[in-house]
Amino acid sequence: MKSDLRYQLAEKMAGEITLSDSPGKALKKWRMSFNVPPGVLAERLGVSPSVISDYESGRRKSPGTAVVGKIVDTLIAIDEDQGGKSIKKFSRILYSDFEDGEVIYDLHDYASPVPLADFAEAIEGQLIAGSLDQALYGYTVINSLNAILQLSSNEFNRIYGWSTERALIFADVSNGKSPMVAIRVTPFKPRCVILQGLVPEQVHPLVPTLADKDRISVLCTSLGVESIIKILREKPW
């Protein structure tokens, strides 16, 4: 992996964990983003799994910058040993060449988890499939038509920001089928999909089936795109 990419990625991860109001939760987010079980991370660090659990739950005092740096480096090293799948995903984010407004209207990542139920309430979302008993680490508001027409399956992964544990809000959809099909053929899956501009009766009947296959919660909202962005930006999450 290019040294500059490794440095930028490590700097992003360490900075977010260290500066977060909930460092343990931020640490857990990154571990999950790299799909590394706590036991594997603990073994590579030479500590017991309870140490990782205590950090992530807040039972143990937040790790200092040196410990955070070691954890981040270990997560990246584990991914490198496994072929660098997550690193490749994040590299596409670091070197993204999206034009503002062409595909992505808004993108934000949270250092701490936001309950999907709270997120849904804020944007007047109505549940179509899945459960509201989830947590989000960010959201992306997407120009649905441009994303589907312009992006390859690999490029599509860049809309995930720094975590797939997020809500993908597809704007101006006709019935929601196309975004769900696009997600179906890509390797990374979001925690939640929100279909903007629809009421439940307008959602294609295939959407819940596709959502169940990928274990994705799906909601719809009739709020306008600008209203959604304004509401989410004003939230203190």
Protein backbone atom coordinates (compact mmCIF):
# COMPACT_ATOMS: atom_id res chain seq x y z
CA MET A 1 0.00 0.00 0.00
CA LYS A 2 1.29 3.48 -0.78
CA SER A 3 2.91 5.03 2.28
CA ASP A 4 1.08 8.34 1.78
CA LEU A 5 -2.28 6.55 1.74
CA ARG A 6 -1.43 4.58 4.88
CA TYR A 7 -0.37 7.80 6.62
CA GLN A 8 -3.49 9.73 5.60
CA LEU A 9 -5.81 6.90 6.59
CA ALA A 10 -4.07 6.36 9.94
CA GLU A 11 -4.12 10.10 10.62
CA LYS A 12 -7.85 10.29 9.87
CA MET A 13 -8.64 7.32 12.14
CA ALA A 14 -6.41 8.34 15.04
CA GLY A 15 -7.58 11.95 14.92
CA GLU A 16 -11.24 10.99 15.04
CA ILE A 17 -10.76 8.55 17.93
CA THR A 18 -8.60 10.92 19.98
CA LEU A 19 -10.80 13.99 19.49
CA SER A 20 -14.13 12.22 19.90
CA ASP A 21 -16.33 12.90 22.92
CA SER A 22 -16.68 9.10 23.06
CA PRO A 23 -13.28 7.65 22.05
CA GLY A 24 -14.36 4.10 22.85
CA LYS A 25 -17.34 4.29 20.52
CA ALA A 26 -15.20 5.83 17.79
CA LEU A 27 -12.68 3.02 18.24
CA LYS A 28 -15.44 0.44 17.94
CA LYS A 29 -16.72 2.11 14.78
CA TRP A 30 -13.34 1.80 13.07
CA ARG A 31 -12.81 -1.77 14.23
CA MET A 32 -16.20 -2.71 12.79
CA SER A 33 -15.49 -0.76 9.59
CA PHE A 34 -12.43 -2.96 9.11
CA ASN A 35 -14.43 -6.08 10.02
CA VAL A 36 -11.92 -7.07 12.67
CA PRO A 37 -13.31 -9.15 15.59
CA PRO A 38 -12.29 -7.83 19.03
CA GLY A 39 -10.50 -11.09 19.79
CA VAL A 40 -8.34 -10.82 16.67
CA LEU A 41 -7.40 -7.23 17.48
CA ALA A 42 -6.59 -8.15 21.06
CA GLU A 43 -4.39 -11.05 19.99
CA ARG A 44 -2.40 -8.87 17.57
CA LEU A 45 -1.97 -6.21 20.27
CA GLY A 46 -0.92 -8.78 22.87
CA VAL A 47 -3.71 -7.92 25.29
CA SER A 48 -6.79 -9.76 26.56
CA PRO A 49 -10.12 -9.29 24.70
CA SER A 50 -11.52 -7.68 27.84
CA VAL A 51 -9.14 -4.76 27.36
CA ILE A 52 -10.64 -3.99 23.94
CA SER A 53 -14.14 -4.44 25.34
CA ASP A 54 -13.39 -2.11 28.25
CA TYR A 55 -12.00 0.59 25.95
CA GLU A 56 -14.98 0.40 23.60
CA SER A 57 -17.57 0.41 26.38
CA GLY A 58 -15.92 3.23 28.31
CA ARG A 59 -15.24 1.06 31.36
CA ARG A 60 -11.52 1.67 30.96
CA LYS A 61 -9.99 5.13 30.78
CA SER A 62 -9.69 6.36 27.20
CA PRO A 63 -6.41 5.29 25.60
CA GLY A 64 -3.76 7.93 25.03
CA THR A 65 -2.48 8.95 21.63
CA ALA A 66 0.30 6.36 21.66
CA VAL A 67 -2.11 3.50 22.34
CA VAL A 68 -4.60 4.82 19.78
CA GLY A 69 -1.81 4.99 17.20
CA LYS A 70 -0.85 1.38 17.92
CA ILE A 71 -4.47 0.20 17.63
CA VAL A 72 -4.96 2.07 14.34
CA ASP A 73 -1.73 0.69 12.90
CA THR A 74 -2.76 -2.82 13.93
CA LEU A 75 -6.18 -2.52 12.28
CA ILE A 76 -4.56 -1.39 9.04
CA ALA A 77 -1.93 -4.14 9.25
CA ILE A 78 -4.60 -6.83 9.76
CA ASP A 79 -6.46 -5.58 6.70
CA GLU A 80 -3.23 -5.58 4.67
CA ASP A 81 -2.62 -9.20 5.66
CA GLN A 82 -6.12 -10.06 4.39
CA GLY A 83 -5.68 -8.40 1.01
CA GLY A 84 -6.46 -4.80 1.90
CA LYS A 85 -10.17 -4.88 1.03
CA SER A 86 -11.14 -2.14 3.47
CA ILE A 87 -8.05 -0.08 2.69
CA LYS A 88 -8.93 -0.11 -0.99
CA LYS A 89 -12.42 1.11 -0.14
CA PHE A 90 -11.07 3.97 1.95
CA SER A 91 -8.49 4.86 -0.70
CA ARG A 92 -11.31 5.54 -3.13
CA ILE A 93 -12.73 7.95 -0.57
CA LEU A 94 -9.41 9.70 0.03
CA TYR A 95 -8.82 10.19 -3.68
CA SER A 96 -12.44 10.69 -4.67
CA ASP A 97 -12.99 12.90 -7.71
CA PHE A 98 -16.72 13.43 -7.27
CA GLU A 99 -17.89 16.82 -8.44
CA ASP A 100 -19.86 18.66 -5.77
CA GLY A 101 -23.56 18.25 -6.28
CA GLU A 102 -23.23 15.92 -9.24
CA VAL A 103 -23.58 12.69 -7.29
CA ILE A 104 -23.41 13.60 -3.61
CA TYR A 105 -25.52 16.41 -2.19
CA ASP A 106 -24.24 16.01 1.36
CA LEU A 107 -22.06 13.59 3.34
CA HIS A 108 -21.31 13.48 7.04
CA ASP A 109 -19.71 11.00 9.45
CA TYR A 110 -20.43 10.72 13.16
CA ALA A 111 -17.78 9.90 15.74
CA SER A 112 -20.43 8.40 18.01
CA PRO A 113 -23.42 6.22 17.05
CA VAL A 114 -26.78 7.84 16.37
CA PRO A 115 -29.88 5.68 16.95
CA LEU A 116 -31.69 5.06 13.69
CA ALA A 117 -34.99 5.70 15.48
CA ASP A 118 -33.85 9.25 16.31
CA PHE A 119 -32.52 9.77 12.80
CA ALA A 120 -35.79 8.56 11.28
CA GLU A 121 -37.86 10.80 13.54
CA ALA A 122 -35.80 13.85 12.54
CA ILE A 123 -36.49 13.40 8.82
CA GLU A 124 -40.03 12.04 9.22
CA GLY A 125 -38.99 8.63 7.93
CA GLN A 126 -41.49 5.77 7.67
CA LEU A 127 -40.21 2.22 8.03
CA ILE A 128 -40.64 -0.02 4.97
CA ALA A 129 -38.37 -2.95 5.87
CA GLY A 130 -36.00 -4.01 8.62
CA SER A 131 -35.75 -2.55 12.10
CA LEU A 132 -35.20 0.84 13.69
CA ASP A 133 -33.13 -0.87 16.39
CA GLN A 134 -29.88 0.09 14.65
CA ALA A 135 -27.16 2.70 15.01
CA LEU A 136 -25.68 4.96 12.35
CA TYR A 137 -22.22 6.48 12.03
CA GLY A 138 -23.06 8.83 9.20
CA TYR A 139 -25.23 9.60 6.21
CA THR A 140 -24.91 10.40 2.51
CA VAL A 141 -27.51 12.27 0.48
CA ILE A 142 -27.25 11.06 -3.10
CA ASN A 143 -28.47 12.17 -6.49
CA SER A 144 -30.08 8.84 -7.24
CA LEU A 145 -30.19 9.06 -11.04
CA ASN A 146 -26.60 10.29 -11.44
CA ALA A 147 -25.24 7.71 -9.01
CA ILE A 148 -26.90 4.85 -10.87
CA LEU A 149 -26.10 6.11 -14.37
CA GLN A 150 -22.56 7.41 -13.83
CA LEU A 151 -20.91 5.15 -11.27
CA SER A 152 -19.44 1.72 -11.76
CA SER A 153 -19.89 -0.82 -8.97
CA ASN A 154 -16.43 0.05 -7.60
CA GLU A 155 -17.04 3.79 -7.81
CA PHE A 156 -20.39 3.32 -6.10
CA ASN A 157 -18.53 2.30 -2.95
CA ARG A 158 -17.26 5.87 -2.49
CA ILE A 159 -20.67 7.09 -1.37
CA TYR A 160 -20.14 5.24 1.92
CA GLY A 161 -17.82 7.86 3.38
CA TRP A 162 -15.76 6.43 6.23
CA SER A 163 -18.23 3.81 7.36
CA THR A 164 -20.85 1.54 5.81
CA GLU A 165 -22.76 1.85 9.11
CA ARG A 166 -24.64 4.77 7.64
CA ALA A 167 -27.85 5.89 5.97
CA LEU A 168 -27.81 6.28 2.21
CA ILE A 169 -30.49 8.82 1.34
CA PHE A 170 -31.44 8.48 -2.32
CA ALA A 171 -33.08 11.64 -3.61
CA ASP A 172 -35.80 11.90 -6.24
CA VAL A 173 -36.41 8.18 -6.67
CA SER A 174 -39.39 6.92 -8.66
CA ASN A 175 -40.16 3.78 -6.64
CA GLY A 176 -36.93 2.79 -4.89
CA LYS A 177 -36.20 -0.35 -6.87
CA SER A 178 -33.15 0.94 -8.79
CA PRO A 179 -31.09 1.99 -5.73
CA MET A 180 -31.77 -1.35 -4.04
CA VAL A 181 -30.72 -3.28 -7.13
CA ALA A 182 -27.53 -1.19 -7.38
CA ILE A 183 -26.70 -1.95 -3.74
CA ARG A 184 -27.44 -5.63 -4.28
CA VAL A 185 -24.58 -6.00 -6.79
CA THR A 186 -21.97 -4.07 -4.78
CA PRO A 187 -19.79 -5.65 -2.06
CA PHE A 188 -20.52 -3.10 0.67
CA LYS A 189 -23.94 -2.69 2.21
CA PRO A 190 -25.28 0.29 4.17
CA ARG A 191 -27.02 0.00 7.50
CA CYS A 192 -30.02 1.87 6.14
CA VAL A 193 -31.49 3.17 2.88
CA ILE A 194 -33.86 6.12 2.85
CA LEU A 195 -35.97 6.76 -0.24
CA GLN A 196 -36.65 10.47 -0.52
CA GLY A 197 -39.79 11.83 -2.13
CA LEU A 198 -41.95 8.75 -1.57
CA VAL A 199 -44.77 7.60 0.66
CA PRO A 200 -45.03 3.88 1.52
CA GLU A 201 -47.69 3.20 -1.13
CA GLN A 202 -45.29 4.36 -3.87
CA VAL A 203 -42.44 2.01 -2.91
CA HIS A 204 -41.90 -0.89 -5.32
CA PRO A 205 -43.03 -4.24 -3.81
CA LEU A 206 -39.60 -5.76 -4.55
CA VAL A 207 -37.83 -3.30 -2.23
CA PRO A 208 -38.60 -5.13 1.07
CA THR A 209 -37.44 -8.43 -0.46
CA LEU A 210 -34.13 -6.93 -1.57
CA ALA A 211 -33.72 -5.24 1.80
CA ASP A 212 -34.26 -8.49 3.69
CA LYS A 213 -31.64 -10.28 1.58
CA ASP A 214 -29.00 -7.72 2.53
CA ARG A 215 -30.32 -7.08 6.05
CA ILE A 216 -30.87 -3.40 5.34
CA SER A 217 -33.46 -1.19 6.99
CA VAL A 218 -35.42 0.84 4.45
CA LEU A 219 -37.43 3.97 5.11
CA CYS A 220 -39.12 6.56 2.96
CA THR A 221 -39.70 10.25 3.57
CA SER A 222 -41.68 12.88 1.71
CA LEU A 223 -39.50 15.74 2.99
CA GLY A 224 -37.61 17.74 0.36
CA VAL A 225 -33.87 17.25 -0.11
CA GLU A 226 -32.95 20.73 1.12
CA SER A 227 -35.10 20.27 4.22
CA ILE A 228 -33.45 16.92 5.02
CA ILE A 229 -29.95 18.37 4.67
CA LYS A 230 -30.84 21.42 6.80
CA ILE A 231 -32.36 19.28 9.55
CA LEU A 232 -29.44 16.85 9.68
CA ARG A 233 -26.79 19.58 9.65
CA GLU A 234 -28.46 21.32 12.57
CA LYS A 235 -28.56 18.20 14.72
CA PRO A 236 -25.88 18.11 17.45
CA TRP A 237 -25.01 14.46 16.79
